[in-house]
Amino acid sequence: MLQVRGVDTLGGGHHDWLQARHHFAVDSQGNPAHARLGNLVVWNDDEIAPHSGFPRHGHRDMEIVTYVREGILRHEDSSGGWGEISAGNVQAITAGRGIWHSEYNDTDARLRIFQIWLLPRRLGLDPRWATKPVADMQRAGQFVPLASGFPEDQAALRIEADARVLGATVEAGQRIAYPLPSTRHGYLVPARGRVMVNDQEVGERDGIAIAGEPGIAITAIEPAEIILVDTA
């Protein structure tokens, strides 16, 4: 099953400081056809205006991975975590038994992020935050784990979920593949550019849900930056 979720079909919210698109139906205003996919329950595409952001608020028992598409994200949380995450890089939060955090755009430029929420393997974990830069050359022409719940992905940020968040960059005409057993689910979004996923075209910021497929082949129609979640 391949289900394209075009960016124009997504639910979301529009405020003075935030333009949001929701790849998954997180509330009654969402597209009911966009159900959760295994442990993947939220994928928000947010644009945050300069000198604004999310004030201090809480989460619990959720693994939250944020990918910065454009701009700089400033993060501060109750576990002592603090950092600035620039475009192309990621942060990972284990909310566990409870974490409070704020996320802001302190610059004069817009901030664009993907925020991905995954159900944890266990409840009540110690809260934790981490970030790590990922060089463009590492993911050129191949998928690289950015955040992972599997010990073999030693270079990735650790999350406590049966999932991987992967990134790749591909040039026009380039083809890459990813094996996805039929017991697992995938969700792919081009942060930039257009691609073909098997026989389906997926545009910039469109999503494609993948289930029951033996794997996927991605061919870039134009230079593209891709984020993929592989989850149980």
C-alpha atoms as a PDB file:
ATOM      1  CA  MET A   1       0.000   0.000   0.000  1.00  0.00           C
ATOM      2  CA  LEU A   2       1.262   3.422  -1.006  1.00  0.00           C
ATOM      3  CA  GLN A   3      -0.888   6.380   0.048  1.00  0.00           C
ATOM      4  CA  VAL A   4       0.218   9.833  -1.087  1.00  0.00           C
ATOM      5  CA  ARG A   5      -0.828  12.586   1.313  1.00  0.00           C
ATOM      6  CA  GLY A   6      -0.486  15.784  -0.686  1.00  0.00           C
ATOM      7  CA  VAL A   7       0.444  18.847   1.344  1.00  0.00           C
ATOM      8  CA  ASP A   8      -2.781  20.550   0.217  1.00  0.00           C
ATOM      9  CA  THR A   9      -4.866  17.701   1.701  1.00  0.00           C
ATOM     10  CA  LEU A  10      -3.335  17.963   5.184  1.00  0.00           C
ATOM     11  CA  GLY A  11      -5.079  19.390   8.209  1.00  0.00           C
ATOM     12  CA  GLY A  12      -3.386  22.124  10.179  1.00  0.00           C
ATOM     13  CA  GLY A  13      -3.613  25.508  11.788  1.00  0.00           C
ATOM     14  CA  HIS A  14      -2.759  29.029  10.691  1.00  0.00           C
ATOM     15  CA  HIS A  15      -1.832  31.726  13.195  1.00  0.00           C
ATOM     16  CA  ASP A  16       0.031  35.019  13.037  1.00  0.00           C
ATOM     17  CA  TRP A  17       3.265  33.320  14.088  1.00  0.00           C
ATOM     18  CA  LEU A  18       2.712  29.667  13.043  1.00  0.00           C
ATOM     19  CA  GLN A  19       1.709  27.992   9.793  1.00  0.00           C
ATOM     20  CA  ALA A  20       1.213  24.271  10.482  1.00  0.00           C
ATOM     21  CA  ARG A  21       0.386  21.249   8.351  1.00  0.00           C
ATOM     22  CA  HIS A  22      -0.385  17.886   9.991  1.00  0.00           C
ATOM     23  CA  HIS A  23       0.453  14.707   8.049  1.00  0.00           C
ATOM     24  CA  PHE A  24      -1.567  12.732  10.614  1.00  0.00           C
ATOM     25  CA  ALA A  25      -5.059  13.515  11.885  1.00  0.00           C
ATOM     26  CA  VAL A  26      -4.186  14.764  15.374  1.00  0.00           C
ATOM     27  CA  ASP A  27      -7.555  16.404  16.062  1.00  0.00           C
ATOM     28  CA  SER A  28     -11.096  16.612  14.720  1.00  0.00           C
ATOM     29  CA  GLN A  29      -9.982  19.146  12.109  1.00  0.00           C
ATOM     30  CA  GLY A  30      -7.552  16.693  10.539  1.00  0.00           C
ATOM     31  CA  ASN A  31      -8.092  14.616   7.423  1.00  0.00           C
ATOM     32  CA  PRO A  32      -9.715  11.374   8.685  1.00  0.00           C
ATOM     33  CA  ALA A  33      -8.000   9.389   5.924  1.00  0.00           C
ATOM     34  CA  HIS A  34      -4.633  10.252   7.456  1.00  0.00           C
ATOM     35  CA  ALA A  35      -4.535   7.718  10.279  1.00  0.00           C
ATOM     36  CA  ARG A  36      -1.531   6.872  12.435  1.00  0.00           C
ATOM     37  CA  LEU A  37       1.017   4.440  11.051  1.00  0.00           C
ATOM     38  CA  GLY A  38       2.248   1.915  13.587  1.00  0.00           C
ATOM     39  CA  ASN A  39       4.193   3.784  16.273  1.00  0.00           C
ATOM     40  CA  LEU A  40       4.235   6.983  14.190  1.00  0.00           C
ATOM     41  CA  VAL A  41       1.430   9.227  15.450  1.00  0.00           C
ATOM     42  CA  VAL A  42       2.429  12.813  14.532  1.00  0.00           C
ATOM     43  CA  TRP A  43       4.362  14.440  11.702  1.00  0.00           C
ATOM     44  CA  ASN A  44       3.900  18.201  11.735  1.00  0.00           C
ATOM     45  CA  ASP A  45       5.271  20.555   9.101  1.00  0.00           C
ATOM     46  CA  ASP A  46       5.651  23.904  10.905  1.00  0.00           C
ATOM     47  CA  GLU A  47       6.747  27.338   9.736  1.00  0.00           C
ATOM     48  CA  ILE A  48       7.520  29.667  12.643  1.00  0.00           C
ATOM     49  CA  ALA A  49       7.753  33.415  12.114  1.00  0.00           C
ATOM     50  CA  PRO A  50      10.850  35.392  13.204  1.00  0.00           C
ATOM     51  CA  HIS A  51      11.117  36.166  16.945  1.00  0.00           C
ATOM     52  CA  SER A  52       8.318  33.798  17.940  1.00  0.00           C
ATOM     53  CA  GLY A  53       7.782  30.178  18.883  1.00  0.00           C
ATOM     54  CA  PHE A  54       6.309  27.665  21.277  1.00  0.00           C
ATOM     55  CA  PRO A  55       6.409  28.867  24.908  1.00  0.00           C
ATOM     56  CA  ARG A  56       7.258  26.473  27.717  1.00  0.00           C
ATOM     57  CA  HIS A  57       4.934  23.447  27.647  1.00  0.00           C
ATOM     58  CA  GLY A  58       5.017  19.810  28.691  1.00  0.00           C
ATOM     59  CA  HIS A  59       5.051  16.314  27.150  1.00  0.00           C
ATOM     60  CA  ARG A  60       5.226  12.824  28.572  1.00  0.00           C
ATOM     61  CA  ASP A  61       5.675   9.261  27.320  1.00  0.00           C
ATOM     62  CA  MET A  62       6.539  10.236  23.762  1.00  0.00           C
ATOM     63  CA  GLU A  63       9.666  10.190  21.584  1.00  0.00           C
ATOM     64  CA  ILE A  64       9.887  13.486  19.670  1.00  0.00           C
ATOM     65  CA  VAL A  65      12.330  14.036  16.805  1.00  0.00           C
ATOM     66  CA  THR A  66      12.642  17.480  15.218  1.00  0.00           C
ATOM     67  CA  TYR A  67      14.291  17.997  11.835  1.00  0.00           C
ATOM     68  CA  VAL A  68      15.179  21.573  10.942  1.00  0.00           C
ATOM     69  CA  ARG A  69      14.491  22.261   7.256  1.00  0.00           C
ATOM     70  CA  GLU A  70      15.381  25.948   7.241  1.00  0.00           C
ATOM     71  CA  GLY A  71      16.578  28.429   9.850  1.00  0.00           C
ATOM     72  CA  ILE A  72      17.752  27.940  13.440  1.00  0.00           C
ATOM     73  CA  LEU A  73      15.708  26.424  16.275  1.00  0.00           C
ATOM     74  CA  ARG A  74      16.525  27.389  19.879  1.00  0.00           C
ATOM     75  CA  HIS A  75      15.560  24.731  22.421  1.00  0.00           C
ATOM     76  CA  GLU A  76      15.535  24.806  26.234  1.00  0.00           C
ATOM     77  CA  ASP A  77      14.073  22.175  28.570  1.00  0.00           C
ATOM     78  CA  SER A  78      13.626  21.083  32.185  1.00  0.00           C
ATOM     79  CA  SER A  79      16.249  18.315  31.902  1.00  0.00           C
ATOM     80  CA  GLY A  80      18.933  20.950  31.476  1.00  0.00           C
ATOM     81  CA  GLY A  81      19.047  20.602  27.713  1.00  0.00           C
ATOM     82  CA  TRP A  82      19.794  23.727  25.697  1.00  0.00           C
ATOM     83  CA  GLY A  83      20.890  24.180  22.129  1.00  0.00           C
ATOM     84  CA  GLU A  84      20.531  25.802  18.736  1.00  0.00           C
ATOM     85  CA  ILE A  85      19.792  23.409  15.877  1.00  0.00           C
ATOM     86  CA  SER A  86      20.500  24.631  12.358  1.00  0.00           C
ATOM     87  CA  ALA A  87      19.093  23.518   9.007  1.00  0.00           C
ATOM     88  CA  GLY A  88      19.743  19.882   8.111  1.00  0.00           C
ATOM     89  CA  ASN A  89      20.240  18.805  11.715  1.00  0.00           C
ATOM     90  CA  VAL A  90      18.075  17.046  14.286  1.00  0.00           C
ATOM     91  CA  GLN A  91      17.172  16.935  17.959  1.00  0.00           C
ATOM     92  CA  ALA A  92      15.593  14.055  19.876  1.00  0.00           C
ATOM     93  CA  ILE A  93      13.548  14.186  23.092  1.00  0.00           C
ATOM     94  CA  THR A  94      12.576  11.296  25.330  1.00  0.00           C
ATOM     95  CA  ALA A  95       9.669  12.872  27.203  1.00  0.00           C
ATOM     96  CA  GLY A  96       9.340   9.872  29.507  1.00  0.00           C
ATOM     97  CA  ARG A  97       7.755  10.649  32.864  1.00  0.00           C
ATOM     98  CA  GLY A  98       7.584  14.339  31.919  1.00  0.00           C
ATOM     99  CA  ILE A  99       9.594  17.116  30.318  1.00  0.00           C
ATOM    100  CA  TRP A 100       8.918  20.850  29.888  1.00  0.00           C
ATOM    101  CA  HIS A 101      10.465  22.728  27.003  1.00  0.00           C
ATOM    102  CA  SER A 102      10.283  25.815  24.811  1.00  0.00           C
ATOM    103  CA  GLU A 103      11.209  26.120  21.149  1.00  0.00           C
ATOM    104  CA  TYR A 104      11.829  29.493  19.530  1.00  0.00           C
ATOM    105  CA  ASN A 105      12.965  31.216  16.393  1.00  0.00           C
ATOM    106  CA  ASP A 106      15.124  34.071  17.660  1.00  0.00           C
ATOM    107  CA  THR A 107      16.331  35.130  14.215  1.00  0.00           C
ATOM    108  CA  ASP A 108      15.075  37.568  11.581  1.00  0.00           C
ATOM    109  CA  ALA A 109      14.463  34.697   9.124  1.00  0.00           C
ATOM    110  CA  ARG A 110      11.690  32.115   8.990  1.00  0.00           C
ATOM    111  CA  LEU A 111      12.112  28.724  10.668  1.00  0.00           C
ATOM    112  CA  ARG A 112      10.769  25.556   9.053  1.00  0.00           C
ATOM    113  CA  ILE A 113      10.759  22.222  10.879  1.00  0.00           C
ATOM    114  CA  PHE A 114       9.361  18.709  10.742  1.00  0.00           C
ATOM    115  CA  GLN A 115       8.307  17.439  14.165  1.00  0.00           C
ATOM    116  CA  ILE A 116       7.847  13.673  14.417  1.00  0.00           C
ATOM    117  CA  TRP A 117       6.236  11.896  17.387  1.00  0.00           C
ATOM    118  CA  LEU A 118       6.698   8.174  18.050  1.00  0.00           C
ATOM    119  CA  LEU A 119       5.240   5.947  20.752  1.00  0.00           C
ATOM    120  CA  PRO A 120       7.948   4.694  23.147  1.00  0.00           C
ATOM    121  CA  ARG A 121       8.771   1.076  23.902  1.00  0.00           C
ATOM    122  CA  ARG A 122       8.233   1.714  27.626  1.00  0.00           C
ATOM    123  CA  LEU A 123       6.460   4.317  29.739  1.00  0.00           C
ATOM    124  CA  GLY A 124       7.918   6.388  32.558  1.00  0.00           C
ATOM    125  CA  LEU A 125      11.465   6.688  31.220  1.00  0.00           C
ATOM    126  CA  ASP A 126      13.918   9.311  32.435  1.00  0.00           C
ATOM    127  CA  PRO A 127      13.499  12.440  30.273  1.00  0.00           C
ATOM    128  CA  ARG A 128      16.387  13.245  27.949  1.00  0.00           C
ATOM    129  CA  TRP A 129      17.311  15.660  25.154  1.00  0.00           C
ATOM    130  CA  ALA A 130      20.126  15.515  22.621  1.00  0.00           C
ATOM    131  CA  THR A 131      21.157  17.033  19.325  1.00  0.00           C
ATOM    132  CA  LYS A 132      23.822  16.196  16.775  1.00  0.00           C
ATOM    133  CA  PRO A 133      24.927  17.739  13.467  1.00  0.00           C
ATOM    134  CA  VAL A 134      24.815  15.527  10.383  1.00  0.00           C
ATOM    135  CA  ALA A 135      27.129  16.447   7.519  1.00  0.00           C
ATOM    136  CA  ASP A 136      25.540  16.617   4.076  1.00  0.00           C
ATOM    137  CA  MET A 137      28.228  14.347   2.650  1.00  0.00           C
ATOM    138  CA  GLN A 138      27.205  11.521   4.989  1.00  0.00           C
ATOM    139  CA  ARG A 139      23.736  11.208   3.478  1.00  0.00           C
ATOM    140  CA  ALA A 140      24.567  11.976  -0.140  1.00  0.00           C
ATOM    141  CA  GLY A 141      23.030   9.197  -2.220  1.00  0.00           C
ATOM    142  CA  GLN A 142      22.100   7.023   0.747  1.00  0.00           C
ATOM    143  CA  PHE A 143      19.848   6.860   3.780  1.00  0.00           C
ATOM    144  CA  VAL A 144      21.594   7.614   7.071  1.00  0.00           C
ATOM    145  CA  PRO A 145      19.926   7.029  10.472  1.00  0.00           C
ATOM    146  CA  LEU A 146      19.451  10.402  12.179  1.00  0.00           C
ATOM    147  CA  ALA A 147      17.630   9.067  15.253  1.00  0.00           C
ATOM    148  CA  SER A 148      17.166   5.417  16.071  1.00  0.00           C
ATOM    149  CA  GLY A 149      15.932   2.962  18.661  1.00  0.00           C
ATOM    150  CA  PHE A 150      18.358   0.267  17.451  1.00  0.00           C
ATOM    151  CA  PRO A 151      21.813  -0.175  19.048  1.00  0.00           C
ATOM    152  CA  GLU A 152      23.512  -0.946  15.719  1.00  0.00           C
ATOM    153  CA  ASP A 153      22.835   2.648  14.599  1.00  0.00           C
ATOM    154  CA  GLN A 154      25.598   3.951  16.829  1.00  0.00           C
ATOM    155  CA  ALA A 155      26.057   7.277  15.045  1.00  0.00           C
ATOM    156  CA  ALA A 156      22.370   8.232  15.339  1.00  0.00           C
ATOM    157  CA  LEU A 157      20.649  10.057  18.185  1.00  0.00           C
ATOM    158  CA  ARG A 158      19.127   7.517  20.555  1.00  0.00           C
ATOM    159  CA  ILE A 159      15.356   7.254  20.885  1.00  0.00           C
ATOM    160  CA  GLU A 160      13.361   4.744  22.938  1.00  0.00           C
ATOM    161  CA  ALA A 161      11.083   3.591  20.125  1.00  0.00           C
ATOM    162  CA  ASP A 162      10.954   0.700  17.669  1.00  0.00           C
ATOM    163  CA  ALA A 163      11.767   3.094  14.840  1.00  0.00           C
ATOM    164  CA  ARG A 164      14.383   4.874  12.786  1.00  0.00           C
ATOM    165  CA  VAL A 165      14.306   8.399  11.392  1.00  0.00           C
ATOM    166  CA  LEU A 166      16.527   8.524   8.308  1.00  0.00           C
ATOM    167  CA  GLY A 167      17.736  11.232   5.954  1.00  0.00           C
ATOM    168  CA  ALA A 168      19.128  11.222   2.411  1.00  0.00           C
ATOM    169  CA  THR A 169      20.000  13.696  -0.322  1.00  0.00           C
ATOM    170  CA  VAL A 170      19.730  12.678  -3.970  1.00  0.00           C
ATOM    171  CA  GLU A 171      20.622  14.354  -7.244  1.00  0.00           C
ATOM    172  CA  ALA A 172      18.261  14.541 -10.213  1.00  0.00           C
ATOM    173  CA  GLY A 173      17.995  11.106 -11.836  1.00  0.00           C
ATOM    174  CA  GLN A 174      19.677   9.337  -8.929  1.00  0.00           C
ATOM    175  CA  ARG A 175      17.997   6.208  -7.528  1.00  0.00           C
ATOM    176  CA  ILE A 176      18.291   4.803  -4.013  1.00  0.00           C
ATOM    177  CA  ALA A 177      16.468   1.916  -2.345  1.00  0.00           C
ATOM    178  CA  TYR A 178      15.388   1.044   1.168  1.00  0.00           C
ATOM    179  CA  PRO A 179      14.276  -2.445   2.297  1.00  0.00           C
ATOM    180  CA  LEU A 180      11.074  -2.317   4.328  1.00  0.00           C
ATOM    181  CA  PRO A 181       9.747  -5.710   5.473  1.00  0.00           C
ATOM    182  CA  SER A 182       6.003  -6.170   5.132  1.00  0.00           C
ATOM    183  CA  THR A 183       5.712  -6.253   8.944  1.00  0.00           C
ATOM    184  CA  ARG A 184       6.883  -2.627   9.168  1.00  0.00           C
ATOM    185  CA  HIS A 185       5.563   0.765   8.098  1.00  0.00           C
ATOM    186  CA  GLY A 186       7.241   3.679   6.388  1.00  0.00           C
ATOM    187  CA  TYR A 187       6.448   7.353   5.957  1.00  0.00           C
ATOM    188  CA  LEU A 188       8.492   9.513   3.608  1.00  0.00           C
ATOM    189  CA  VAL A 189       8.446  13.282   3.029  1.00  0.00           C
ATOM    190  CA  PRO A 190      10.709  15.258   0.691  1.00  0.00           C
ATOM    191  CA  ALA A 191      11.851  18.307   2.639  1.00  0.00           C
ATOM    192  CA  ARG A 192      13.008  19.645  -0.715  1.00  0.00           C
ATOM    193  CA  GLY A 193      12.454  18.525  -4.305  1.00  0.00           C
ATOM    194  CA  ARG A 194      10.276  15.919  -6.037  1.00  0.00           C
ATOM    195  CA  VAL A 195      10.794  12.159  -6.172  1.00  0.00           C
ATOM    196  CA  MET A 196       9.211   8.966  -7.431  1.00  0.00           C
ATOM    197  CA  VAL A 197       8.568   6.344  -4.732  1.00  0.00           C
ATOM    198  CA  ASN A 198       8.091   3.083  -6.611  1.00  0.00           C
ATOM    199  CA  ASP A 199       5.496   4.300  -9.159  1.00  0.00           C
ATOM    200  CA  GLN A 200       4.111   7.256  -7.156  1.00  0.00           C
ATOM    201  CA  GLU A 201       5.227  10.860  -7.563  1.00  0.00           C
ATOM    202  CA  VAL A 202       5.750  12.684  -4.266  1.00  0.00           C
ATOM    203  CA  GLY A 203       6.249  16.443  -4.305  1.00  0.00           C
ATOM    204  CA  GLU A 204       8.038  18.729  -1.867  1.00  0.00           C
ATOM    205  CA  ARG A 205       6.357  18.477   1.579  1.00  0.00           C
ATOM    206  CA  ASP A 206       3.932  15.780   0.361  1.00  0.00           C
ATOM    207  CA  GLY A 207       3.954  12.572   2.381  1.00  0.00           C
ATOM    208  CA  ILE A 208       3.633   8.957   1.346  1.00  0.00           C
ATOM    209  CA  ALA A 209       2.518   6.202   3.731  1.00  0.00           C
ATOM    210  CA  ILE A 210       4.021   2.791   3.022  1.00  0.00           C
ATOM    211  CA  ALA A 211       2.701  -0.533   4.334  1.00  0.00           C
ATOM    212  CA  GLY A 212       2.804  -4.127   3.123  1.00  0.00           C
ATOM    213  CA  GLU A 213       5.554  -3.391   0.591  1.00  0.00           C
ATOM    214  CA  PRO A 214       8.776  -5.442   0.294  1.00  0.00           C
ATOM    215  CA  GLY A 215      10.742  -2.217  -0.001  1.00  0.00           C
ATOM    216  CA  ILE A 216      10.837   1.108  -1.754  1.00  0.00           C
ATOM    217  CA  ALA A 217      12.861   2.572  -4.605  1.00  0.00           C
ATOM    218  CA  ILE A 218      13.236   6.356  -4.727  1.00  0.00           C
ATOM    219  CA  THR A 219      14.217   8.175  -7.906  1.00  0.00           C
ATOM    220  CA  ALA A 220      14.834  11.909  -7.775  1.00  0.00           C
ATOM    221  CA  ILE A 221      12.958  13.958 -10.368  1.00  0.00           C
ATOM    222  CA  GLU A 222      15.019  16.948  -9.208  1.00  0.00           C
ATOM    223  CA  PRO A 223      17.609  17.427  -6.455  1.00  0.00           C
ATOM    224  CA  ALA A 224      15.891  16.339  -3.254  1.00  0.00           C
ATOM    225  CA  GLU A 225      16.311  16.107   0.506  1.00  0.00           C
ATOM    226  CA  ILE A 226      14.305  13.212   1.985  1.00  0.00           C
ATOM    227  CA  ILE A 227      13.207  12.227   5.493  1.00  0.00           C
ATOM    228  CA  LEU A 228      11.938   8.671   6.079  1.00  0.00           C
ATOM    229  CA  VAL A 229      10.539   7.017   9.212  1.00  0.00           C
ATOM    230  CA  ASP A 230      10.759   3.212   9.445  1.00  0.00           C
ATOM    231  CA  THR A 231       8.584   1.939  12.301  1.00  0.00           C
ATOM    232  CA  ALA A 232       6.853  -1.146  13.643  1.00  0.00           C
END
